[in-house]
Amino acid sequence: METRAVTSYLFTIGASIAEWLEQKRLTKSGSAKTVRAYGDTIEQFRAFLAGGGLDLLSNPIDIARVAPLWASTRRPSPLKSDGTPNKRHEGPVSNATYNQRLAIVSSWYTFVQDTYKLEIPNPIKDVPKRRVQAYAAAIPIEPDVVETGLGALRSNGTEKYDKAMNKLYYN
């Protein structure tokens, strides 16, 4: 019978990030785009921290102090195919983007706490989040457009019209 010694695992930030991303790929949507976005976000945060001589396991108070600055920072604007600046990437980041960045980083801390059973604080947990209104940018549909659409449903039979009205009233 062969005997093997169990080797201990040497925790590194890089290896934990790779495992965290793999867990995201396996347990969430599995979307390569989402995993890439998570990876890019955590690496951008690490680069920001490194500019101040910090990393993810540095003093949590320092990390909590700089996280809002990083989450608010607009990334360099990608150029359009014609070489001109992309206007979409100007001005302050949206509240949703700010919150999403913090949530991604916080997710890594939670993963490390749960998976590696390390007693480290999650410095992002207490960073104030911004208020987000889910439909703040929604534009109401003009009443005549609604009436035209409902009229078309009415002319196609009462079943579709009734279903549409029920959705409007009860959802």
N, C-alpha and C. Protein backbone atom coordinates (compact mmCIF):
# COMPACT_ATOMS: atom_id res chain seq x y z
N MET A 1 0.86 -1.17 0.00
CA MET A 1 0.00 0.00 0.00
C MET A 1 0.90 1.23 0.00
N GLU A 2 0.60 2.11 -0.90
CA GLU A 2 1.39 3.34 -1.04
C GLU A 2 0.90 4.38 -0.04
N THR A 3 1.84 5.01 0.59
CA THR A 3 1.47 6.09 1.50
C THR A 3 1.98 7.41 0.95
N ARG A 4 1.15 8.41 1.10
CA ARG A 4 1.51 9.75 0.64
C ARG A 4 1.32 10.72 1.78
N ALA A 5 2.22 11.62 1.85
CA ALA A 5 2.06 12.69 2.84
C ALA A 5 1.20 13.78 2.21
N VAL A 6 0.34 14.33 3.00
CA VAL A 6 -0.46 15.45 2.53
C VAL A 6 0.42 16.69 2.62
N THR A 7 0.55 17.36 1.50
CA THR A 7 1.37 18.57 1.51
C THR A 7 0.51 19.75 1.86
N SER A 8 1.10 20.67 2.59
CA SER A 8 0.34 21.84 2.98
C SER A 8 0.24 22.80 1.79
N TYR A 9 -0.79 23.57 1.83
CA TYR A 9 -1.04 24.54 0.77
C TYR A 9 -0.45 25.88 1.20
N LEU A 10 0.33 26.46 0.32
CA LEU A 10 0.90 27.77 0.59
C LEU A 10 -0.02 28.82 0.00
N PHE A 11 -0.66 29.59 0.86
CA PHE A 11 -1.60 30.62 0.41
C PHE A 11 -0.84 31.75 -0.27
N THR A 12 -1.29 32.11 -1.47
CA THR A 12 -0.81 33.32 -2.13
C THR A 12 -2.03 34.07 -2.66
N ILE A 13 -1.90 35.36 -2.76
CA ILE A 13 -3.02 36.16 -3.28
C ILE A 13 -3.32 35.75 -4.72
N GLY A 14 -2.27 35.62 -5.53
CA GLY A 14 -2.48 35.25 -6.94
C GLY A 14 -3.19 33.93 -7.11
N ALA A 15 -2.76 32.91 -6.34
CA ALA A 15 -3.41 31.60 -6.44
C ALA A 15 -4.85 31.65 -5.94
N SER A 16 -5.10 32.43 -4.91
CA SER A 16 -6.47 32.53 -4.39
C SER A 16 -7.38 33.24 -5.40
N ILE A 17 -6.83 34.23 -6.10
CA ILE A 17 -7.63 34.91 -7.13
C ILE A 17 -7.97 33.93 -8.25
N ALA A 18 -6.99 33.14 -8.68
CA ALA A 18 -7.24 32.16 -9.75
C ALA A 18 -8.31 31.16 -9.32
N GLU A 19 -8.24 30.69 -8.09
CA GLU A 19 -9.24 29.73 -7.59
C GLU A 19 -10.61 30.39 -7.47
N TRP A 20 -10.64 31.63 -6.99
CA TRP A 20 -11.90 32.38 -6.86
C TRP A 20 -12.57 32.54 -8.23
N LEU A 21 -11.76 32.89 -9.24
CA LEU A 21 -12.31 33.05 -10.59
C LEU A 21 -12.82 31.72 -11.13
N GLU A 22 -12.10 30.64 -10.86
CA GLU A 22 -12.54 29.32 -11.30
C GLU A 22 -13.85 28.94 -10.61
N GLN A 23 -13.97 29.25 -9.32
CA GLN A 23 -15.22 29.00 -8.60
C GLN A 23 -16.37 29.79 -9.23
N LYS A 24 -16.10 31.04 -9.60
CA LYS A 24 -17.13 31.86 -10.25
C LYS A 24 -17.57 31.21 -11.56
N ARG A 25 -16.59 30.71 -12.31
CA ARG A 25 -16.90 30.09 -13.60
C ARG A 25 -17.73 28.83 -13.41
N LEU A 26 -17.41 28.04 -12.38
CA LEU A 26 -18.09 26.76 -12.17
C LEU A 26 -19.44 26.89 -11.48
N THR A 27 -19.59 27.88 -10.61
CA THR A 27 -20.80 27.93 -9.79
C THR A 27 -21.78 29.02 -10.17
N LYS A 28 -21.37 29.98 -10.93
CA LYS A 28 -22.29 31.05 -11.31
C LYS A 28 -22.72 30.84 -12.76
N SER A 29 -22.83 31.91 -13.53
CA SER A 29 -23.34 31.80 -14.88
C SER A 29 -22.42 31.02 -15.81
N GLY A 30 -21.14 30.93 -15.46
CA GLY A 30 -20.20 30.26 -16.34
C GLY A 30 -19.76 31.13 -17.50
N SER A 31 -20.21 32.36 -17.50
CA SER A 31 -19.89 33.27 -18.60
C SER A 31 -18.41 33.68 -18.56
N ALA A 32 -17.74 33.45 -19.67
CA ALA A 32 -16.33 33.85 -19.77
C ALA A 32 -16.19 35.36 -19.62
N LYS A 33 -17.17 36.09 -20.12
CA LYS A 33 -17.13 37.56 -20.03
C LYS A 33 -17.20 38.01 -18.57
N THR A 34 -18.05 37.38 -17.79
CA THR A 34 -18.18 37.73 -16.37
C THR A 34 -16.89 37.41 -15.62
N VAL A 35 -16.34 36.23 -15.86
CA VAL A 35 -15.10 35.83 -15.19
C VAL A 35 -13.98 36.79 -15.56
N ARG A 36 -13.91 37.16 -16.83
CA ARG A 36 -12.89 38.12 -17.29
C ARG A 36 -13.08 39.48 -16.61
N ALA A 37 -14.33 39.92 -16.48
CA ALA A 37 -14.63 41.21 -15.83
C ALA A 37 -14.22 41.16 -14.36
N TYR A 38 -14.51 40.06 -13.68
CA TYR A 38 -14.10 39.91 -12.28
C TYR A 38 -12.58 39.95 -12.16
N GLY A 39 -11.91 39.20 -13.04
CA GLY A 39 -10.45 39.17 -13.02
C GLY A 39 -9.85 40.54 -13.30
N ASP A 40 -10.39 41.22 -14.30
CA ASP A 40 -9.89 42.57 -14.63
C ASP A 40 -10.11 43.53 -13.46
N THR A 41 -11.27 43.44 -12.84
CA THR A 41 -11.60 44.35 -11.74
C THR A 41 -10.67 44.14 -10.55
N ILE A 42 -10.45 42.89 -10.15
CA ILE A 42 -9.60 42.65 -8.99
C ILE A 42 -8.15 43.05 -9.30
N GLU A 43 -7.71 42.83 -10.53
CA GLU A 43 -6.34 43.22 -10.90
C GLU A 43 -6.19 44.74 -10.98
N GLN A 44 -7.23 45.44 -11.43
CA GLN A 44 -7.18 46.90 -11.44
C GLN A 44 -7.11 47.44 -10.02
N PHE A 45 -7.84 46.81 -9.12
CA PHE A 45 -7.79 47.23 -7.72
C PHE A 45 -6.41 46.97 -7.13
N ARG A 46 -5.84 45.81 -7.43
CA ARG A 46 -4.50 45.51 -6.93
C ARG A 46 -3.48 46.50 -7.46
N ALA A 47 -3.60 46.87 -8.73
CA ALA A 47 -2.67 47.84 -9.32
C ALA A 47 -2.82 49.19 -8.64
N PHE A 48 -4.06 49.58 -8.36
CA PHE A 48 -4.33 50.84 -7.66
C PHE A 48 -3.69 50.81 -6.27
N LEU A 49 -3.91 49.70 -5.57
CA LEU A 49 -3.32 49.55 -4.23
C LEU A 49 -1.79 49.58 -4.29
N ALA A 50 -1.23 48.92 -5.28
CA ALA A 50 0.23 48.86 -5.41
C ALA A 50 0.83 50.24 -5.59
N GLY A 51 0.08 51.14 -6.21
CA GLY A 51 0.55 52.52 -6.37
C GLY A 51 0.80 53.20 -5.03
N GLY A 52 0.16 52.73 -3.99
CA GLY A 52 0.35 53.27 -2.65
C GLY A 52 1.10 52.32 -1.74
N GLY A 53 1.74 51.30 -2.34
CA GLY A 53 2.49 50.34 -1.56
C GLY A 53 1.62 49.34 -0.79
N LEU A 54 0.40 49.13 -1.25
CA LEU A 54 -0.54 48.23 -0.58
C LEU A 54 -0.87 47.03 -1.46
N ASP A 55 -1.49 46.02 -0.87
CA ASP A 55 -2.06 44.90 -1.59
C ASP A 55 -3.31 44.47 -0.85
N LEU A 56 -3.97 43.44 -1.33
CA LEU A 56 -5.26 43.03 -0.78
C LEU A 56 -5.23 42.65 0.70
N LEU A 57 -4.08 42.21 1.19
CA LEU A 57 -3.98 41.82 2.59
C LEU A 57 -3.26 42.85 3.45
N SER A 58 -3.12 44.05 2.94
CA SER A 58 -2.51 45.14 3.71
C SER A 58 -3.49 45.59 4.80
N ASN A 59 -3.11 46.63 5.52
CA ASN A 59 -3.95 47.16 6.59
C ASN A 59 -5.37 47.41 6.08
N PRO A 60 -6.37 46.74 6.66
CA PRO A 60 -7.75 46.89 6.17
C PRO A 60 -8.28 48.32 6.26
N ILE A 61 -7.80 49.08 7.22
CA ILE A 61 -8.25 50.47 7.33
C ILE A 61 -7.77 51.26 6.12
N ASP A 62 -6.53 51.04 5.72
CA ASP A 62 -6.00 51.72 4.53
C ASP A 62 -6.76 51.31 3.28
N ILE A 63 -7.04 50.02 3.17
CA ILE A 63 -7.77 49.52 1.99
C ILE A 63 -9.17 50.14 1.95
N ALA A 64 -9.85 50.18 3.09
CA ALA A 64 -11.20 50.75 3.14
C ALA A 64 -11.18 52.25 2.81
N ARG A 65 -10.11 52.92 3.15
CA ARG A 65 -10.01 54.35 2.86
C ARG A 65 -9.82 54.63 1.36
N VAL A 66 -9.05 53.78 0.68
CA VAL A 66 -8.77 54.05 -0.73
C VAL A 66 -9.75 53.38 -1.68
N ALA A 67 -10.49 52.37 -1.22
CA ALA A 67 -11.43 51.66 -2.10
C ALA A 67 -12.45 52.59 -2.76
N PRO A 68 -13.06 53.54 -2.04
CA PRO A 68 -14.01 54.43 -2.72
C PRO A 68 -13.34 55.30 -3.80
N LEU A 69 -12.10 55.69 -3.57
CA LEU A 69 -11.38 56.47 -4.59
C LEU A 69 -11.20 55.65 -5.85
N TRP A 70 -10.77 54.41 -5.65
CA TRP A 70 -10.56 53.52 -6.80
C TRP A 70 -11.88 53.23 -7.52
N ALA A 71 -12.94 52.92 -6.77
CA ALA A 71 -14.22 52.57 -7.38
C ALA A 71 -14.83 53.74 -8.15
N SER A 72 -14.43 54.96 -7.79
CA SER A 72 -14.94 56.17 -8.44
C SER A 72 -14.12 56.57 -9.66
N THR A 73 -12.99 55.94 -9.84
CA THR A 73 -12.06 56.35 -10.90
C THR A 73 -12.47 55.79 -12.24
N ARG A 74 -12.57 56.68 -13.21
CA ARG A 74 -12.88 56.29 -14.58
C ARG A 74 -11.65 55.63 -15.19
N ARG A 75 -11.81 54.48 -15.81
CA ARG A 75 -10.70 53.81 -16.48
C ARG A 75 -10.32 54.58 -17.74
N PRO A 76 -9.11 54.38 -18.25
CA PRO A 76 -8.76 55.04 -19.51
C PRO A 76 -9.78 54.69 -20.59
N SER A 77 -10.18 55.70 -21.32
CA SER A 77 -11.23 55.54 -22.32
C SER A 77 -10.73 54.74 -23.52
N PRO A 78 -11.42 53.65 -23.85
CA PRO A 78 -11.05 52.93 -25.07
C PRO A 78 -11.45 53.76 -26.28
N LEU A 79 -10.64 53.69 -27.32
CA LEU A 79 -10.94 54.45 -28.53
C LEU A 79 -11.92 53.68 -29.40
N LYS A 80 -12.73 54.44 -30.14
CA LYS A 80 -13.64 53.82 -31.10
C LYS A 80 -12.80 53.31 -32.27
N SER A 81 -13.44 52.55 -33.15
CA SER A 81 -12.72 51.95 -34.28
C SER A 81 -12.09 53.00 -35.19
N ASP A 82 -12.66 54.23 -35.19
CA ASP A 82 -12.08 55.28 -36.03
C ASP A 82 -10.97 56.06 -35.31
N GLY A 83 -10.63 55.64 -34.08
CA GLY A 83 -9.53 56.27 -33.36
C GLY A 83 -9.93 57.45 -32.49
N THR A 84 -11.21 57.81 -32.49
CA THR A 84 -11.66 58.94 -31.68
C THR A 84 -12.07 58.45 -30.29
N PRO A 85 -12.02 59.35 -29.29
CA PRO A 85 -12.42 58.94 -27.93
C PRO A 85 -13.87 58.51 -27.86
N ASN A 86 -14.15 57.56 -27.01
CA ASN A 86 -15.50 57.06 -26.81
C ASN A 86 -16.19 57.94 -25.78
N LYS A 87 -17.20 58.68 -26.17
CA LYS A 87 -17.90 59.61 -25.27
C LYS A 87 -18.59 58.88 -24.13
N ARG A 88 -18.90 57.61 -24.33
CA ARG A 88 -19.57 56.83 -23.29
C ARG A 88 -18.72 56.71 -22.04
N HIS A 89 -17.41 56.85 -22.19
CA HIS A 89 -16.49 56.67 -21.07
C HIS A 89 -15.97 57.99 -20.52
N GLU A 90 -16.81 59.01 -20.55
CA GLU A 90 -16.44 60.30 -19.99
C GLU A 90 -17.29 60.58 -18.76
N GLY A 91 -16.80 61.47 -17.92
CA GLY A 91 -17.54 61.87 -16.73
C GLY A 91 -17.39 60.85 -15.61
N PRO A 92 -18.13 61.06 -14.52
CA PRO A 92 -18.01 60.17 -13.36
C PRO A 92 -18.61 58.79 -13.66
N VAL A 93 -18.15 57.79 -12.92
CA VAL A 93 -18.73 56.46 -13.08
C VAL A 93 -20.14 56.47 -12.47
N SER A 94 -20.98 55.61 -12.96
CA SER A 94 -22.34 55.53 -12.42
C SER A 94 -22.30 54.92 -11.03
N ASN A 95 -23.35 55.15 -10.28
CA ASN A 95 -23.46 54.55 -8.95
C ASN A 95 -23.45 53.03 -9.03
N ALA A 96 -24.08 52.49 -10.07
CA ALA A 96 -24.13 51.04 -10.23
C ALA A 96 -22.73 50.48 -10.49
N THR A 97 -21.93 51.17 -11.30
CA THR A 97 -20.56 50.73 -11.57
C THR A 97 -19.72 50.78 -10.30
N TYR A 98 -19.84 51.87 -9.56
CA TYR A 98 -19.13 52.04 -8.29
C TYR A 98 -19.46 50.87 -7.35
N ASN A 99 -20.73 50.59 -7.18
CA ASN A 99 -21.17 49.51 -6.28
C ASN A 99 -20.72 48.14 -6.79
N GLN A 100 -20.77 47.95 -8.10
CA GLN A 100 -20.37 46.67 -8.68
C GLN A 100 -18.89 46.40 -8.43
N ARG A 101 -18.07 47.40 -8.60
CA ARG A 101 -16.63 47.23 -8.36
C ARG A 101 -16.37 46.82 -6.91
N LEU A 102 -17.02 47.51 -5.99
CA LEU A 102 -16.84 47.17 -4.58
C LEU A 102 -17.36 45.76 -4.29
N ALA A 103 -18.47 45.39 -4.88
CA ALA A 103 -19.05 44.06 -4.65
C ALA A 103 -18.12 42.96 -5.16
N ILE A 104 -17.48 43.19 -6.30
CA ILE A 104 -16.56 42.19 -6.84
C ILE A 104 -15.38 41.99 -5.89
N VAL A 105 -14.79 43.08 -5.43
CA VAL A 105 -13.65 42.97 -4.52
C VAL A 105 -14.09 42.32 -3.19
N SER A 106 -15.24 42.73 -2.68
CA SER A 106 -15.76 42.16 -1.45
C SER A 106 -15.97 40.65 -1.60
N SER A 107 -16.40 40.24 -2.78
CA SER A 107 -16.62 38.83 -3.06
C SER A 107 -15.33 38.02 -2.89
N TRP A 108 -14.20 38.59 -3.31
CA TRP A 108 -12.92 37.89 -3.14
C TRP A 108 -12.62 37.70 -1.65
N TYR A 109 -12.80 38.75 -0.86
CA TYR A 109 -12.54 38.64 0.58
C TYR A 109 -13.43 37.57 1.22
N THR A 110 -14.69 37.54 0.86
CA THR A 110 -15.61 36.53 1.39
C THR A 110 -15.17 35.13 0.99
N PHE A 111 -14.75 34.99 -0.27
CA PHE A 111 -14.25 33.70 -0.76
C PHE A 111 -13.05 33.24 0.07
N VAL A 112 -12.10 34.12 0.30
CA VAL A 112 -10.90 33.77 1.06
C VAL A 112 -11.28 33.39 2.50
N GLN A 113 -12.18 34.13 3.10
CA GLN A 113 -12.61 33.82 4.47
C GLN A 113 -13.27 32.44 4.53
N ASP A 114 -14.16 32.17 3.58
CA ASP A 114 -14.93 30.92 3.60
C ASP A 114 -14.10 29.71 3.16
N THR A 115 -13.31 29.88 2.13
CA THR A 115 -12.58 28.76 1.56
C THR A 115 -11.31 28.42 2.34
N TYR A 116 -10.55 29.42 2.68
CA TYR A 116 -9.28 29.19 3.36
C TYR A 116 -9.39 29.29 4.89
N LYS A 117 -10.57 29.64 5.34
CA LYS A 117 -10.81 29.79 6.79
C LYS A 117 -9.80 30.73 7.44
N LEU A 118 -9.43 31.77 6.68
CA LEU A 118 -8.53 32.77 7.22
C LEU A 118 -9.33 33.81 7.97
N GLU A 119 -8.85 34.18 9.09
CA GLU A 119 -9.54 35.19 9.89
C GLU A 119 -9.01 36.57 9.51
N ILE A 120 -9.43 36.98 8.34
CA ILE A 120 -9.05 38.31 7.84
C ILE A 120 -10.33 39.13 7.72
N PRO A 121 -10.24 40.42 7.94
CA PRO A 121 -11.43 41.26 7.76
C PRO A 121 -11.71 41.50 6.29
N ASN A 122 -12.95 41.83 6.01
CA ASN A 122 -13.34 42.26 4.67
C ASN A 122 -13.44 43.77 4.73
N PRO A 123 -12.39 44.49 4.31
CA PRO A 123 -12.39 45.94 4.45
C PRO A 123 -13.43 46.63 3.58
N ILE A 124 -13.96 45.94 2.59
CA ILE A 124 -14.94 46.54 1.68
C ILE A 124 -16.34 46.50 2.29
N LYS A 125 -16.54 45.59 3.23
CA LYS A 125 -17.87 45.39 3.82
C LYS A 125 -18.49 46.68 4.35
N ASP A 126 -17.68 47.51 4.98
CA ASP A 126 -18.22 48.72 5.59
C ASP A 126 -18.02 49.99 4.76
N VAL A 127 -17.50 49.83 3.55
CA VAL A 127 -17.36 50.99 2.68
C VAL A 127 -18.76 51.40 2.23
N PRO A 128 -19.11 52.68 2.40
CA PRO A 128 -20.46 53.11 2.02
C PRO A 128 -20.74 52.87 0.53
N LYS A 129 -21.90 52.31 0.27
CA LYS A 129 -22.34 52.09 -1.10
C LYS A 129 -23.18 53.28 -1.54
N ARG A 130 -23.27 53.44 -2.84
CA ARG A 130 -24.08 54.53 -3.38
C ARG A 130 -25.50 54.05 -3.63
N ARG A 131 -26.41 54.98 -3.52
CA ARG A 131 -27.82 54.67 -3.78
C ARG A 131 -28.02 54.51 -5.29
N VAL A 132 -28.73 53.46 -5.65
CA VAL A 132 -29.00 53.19 -7.06
C VAL A 132 -30.51 53.08 -7.24
N GLN A 133 -31.01 53.82 -8.18
CA GLN A 133 -32.43 53.73 -8.53
C GLN A 133 -32.51 52.87 -9.79
N ALA A 134 -33.14 51.73 -9.66
CA ALA A 134 -33.16 50.75 -10.74
C ALA A 134 -33.66 51.32 -12.06
N TYR A 135 -34.62 52.21 -12.02
CA TYR A 135 -35.20 52.71 -13.27
C TYR A 135 -35.01 54.21 -13.42
N ALA A 136 -33.95 54.75 -12.84
CA ALA A 136 -33.72 56.19 -12.88
C ALA A 136 -33.59 56.71 -14.31
N ALA A 137 -33.00 55.93 -15.19
CA ALA A 137 -32.80 56.38 -16.57
C ALA A 137 -33.94 55.95 -17.50
N ALA A 138 -34.95 55.29 -16.94
CA ALA A 138 -36.06 54.82 -17.77
C ALA A 138 -36.87 56.01 -18.30
N ILE A 139 -37.26 55.91 -19.53
CA ILE A 139 -38.05 56.95 -20.17
C ILE A 139 -39.47 56.41 -20.33
N PRO A 140 -40.47 57.15 -19.83
CA PRO A 140 -41.85 56.64 -19.93
C PRO A 140 -42.31 56.56 -21.38
N ILE A 141 -43.16 55.59 -21.63
CA ILE A 141 -43.73 55.44 -22.96
C ILE A 141 -44.88 56.43 -23.09
N GLU A 142 -44.93 57.12 -24.20
CA GLU A 142 -46.00 58.09 -24.45
C GLU A 142 -47.35 57.37 -24.47
N PRO A 143 -48.38 57.97 -23.89
CA PRO A 143 -49.70 57.33 -23.83
C PRO A 143 -50.25 56.90 -25.19
N ASP A 144 -50.01 57.69 -26.23
CA ASP A 144 -50.55 57.32 -27.55
C ASP A 144 -49.85 56.06 -28.09
N VAL A 145 -48.59 55.87 -27.74
CA VAL A 145 -47.87 54.67 -28.17
C VAL A 145 -48.43 53.44 -27.45
N VAL A 146 -48.72 53.59 -26.16
CA VAL A 146 -49.32 52.50 -25.39
C VAL A 146 -50.69 52.17 -25.98
N GLU A 147 -51.47 53.19 -26.26
CA GLU A 147 -52.82 52.96 -26.79
C GLU A 147 -52.76 52.28 -28.16
N THR A 148 -51.81 52.67 -28.99
CA THR A 148 -51.64 52.03 -30.31
C THR A 148 -51.30 50.56 -30.14
N GLY A 149 -50.36 50.26 -29.24
CA GLY A 149 -49.97 48.87 -28.99
C GLY A 149 -51.11 48.04 -28.45
N LEU A 150 -51.86 48.61 -27.50
CA LEU A 150 -53.00 47.87 -26.95
C LEU A 150 -54.09 47.70 -28.00
N GLY A 151 -54.23 48.70 -28.85
CA GLY A 151 -55.22 48.59 -29.93
C GLY A 151 -54.87 47.45 -30.88
N ALA A 152 -53.57 47.29 -31.17
CA ALA A 152 -53.14 46.20 -32.03
C ALA A 152 -53.41 44.85 -31.36
N LEU A 153 -53.20 44.78 -30.07
CA LEU A 153 -53.50 43.54 -29.35
C LEU A 153 -54.98 43.24 -29.37
N ARG A 154 -55.79 44.32 -29.17
CA ARG A 154 -57.24 44.16 -29.17
C ARG A 154 -57.72 43.60 -30.50
N SER A 155 -57.14 44.10 -31.59
CA SER A 155 -57.59 43.67 -32.92
C SER A 155 -57.15 42.24 -33.24
N ASN A 156 -56.14 41.74 -32.51
CA ASN A 156 -55.68 40.37 -32.73
C ASN A 156 -56.41 39.35 -31.86
N GLY A 157 -57.35 39.79 -31.08
CA GLY A 157 -58.10 38.86 -30.22
C GLY A 157 -58.00 39.27 -28.77
N THR A 158 -59.03 38.95 -28.03
CA THR A 158 -59.10 39.39 -26.64
C THR A 158 -58.13 38.66 -25.73
N GLU A 159 -57.70 37.46 -26.09
CA GLU A 159 -56.80 36.70 -25.21
C GLU A 159 -55.47 37.45 -25.01
N LYS A 160 -54.88 37.92 -26.09
CA LYS A 160 -53.61 38.65 -25.98
C LYS A 160 -53.81 39.98 -25.25
N TYR A 161 -54.92 40.64 -25.53
CA TYR A 161 -55.20 41.92 -24.87
C TYR A 161 -55.38 41.71 -23.37
N ASP A 162 -56.16 40.70 -23.00
CA ASP A 162 -56.39 40.41 -21.59
C ASP A 162 -55.08 40.07 -20.88
N LYS A 163 -54.24 39.28 -21.53
CA LYS A 163 -52.96 38.90 -20.95
C LYS A 163 -52.08 40.14 -20.73
N ALA A 164 -52.05 41.03 -21.71
CA ALA A 164 -51.25 42.26 -21.59
C ALA A 164 -51.79 43.15 -20.47
N MET A 165 -53.09 43.28 -20.38
CA MET A 165 -53.68 44.11 -19.33
C MET A 165 -53.41 43.52 -17.94
N ASN A 166 -53.50 42.21 -17.83
CA ASN A 166 -53.20 41.56 -16.55
C ASN A 166 -51.75 41.83 -16.14
N LYS A 167 -50.84 41.77 -17.10
CA LYS A 167 -49.44 42.06 -16.79
C LYS A 167 -49.28 43.49 -16.31
N LEU A 168 -49.96 44.41 -16.95
CA LEU A 168 -49.86 45.83 -16.56
C LEU A 168 -50.39 46.05 -15.15
N TYR A 169 -51.50 45.45 -14.84
CA TYR A 169 -52.16 45.71 -13.56
C TYR A 169 -51.56 44.91 -12.39
N TYR A 170 -51.13 43.68 -12.66
CA TYR A 170 -50.76 42.82 -11.55
C TYR A 170 -49.26 42.56 -11.41
N ASN A 171 -48.44 43.18 -12.24
CA ASN A 171 -46.98 42.99 -12.12
C ASN A 171 -46.31 44.26 -11.73
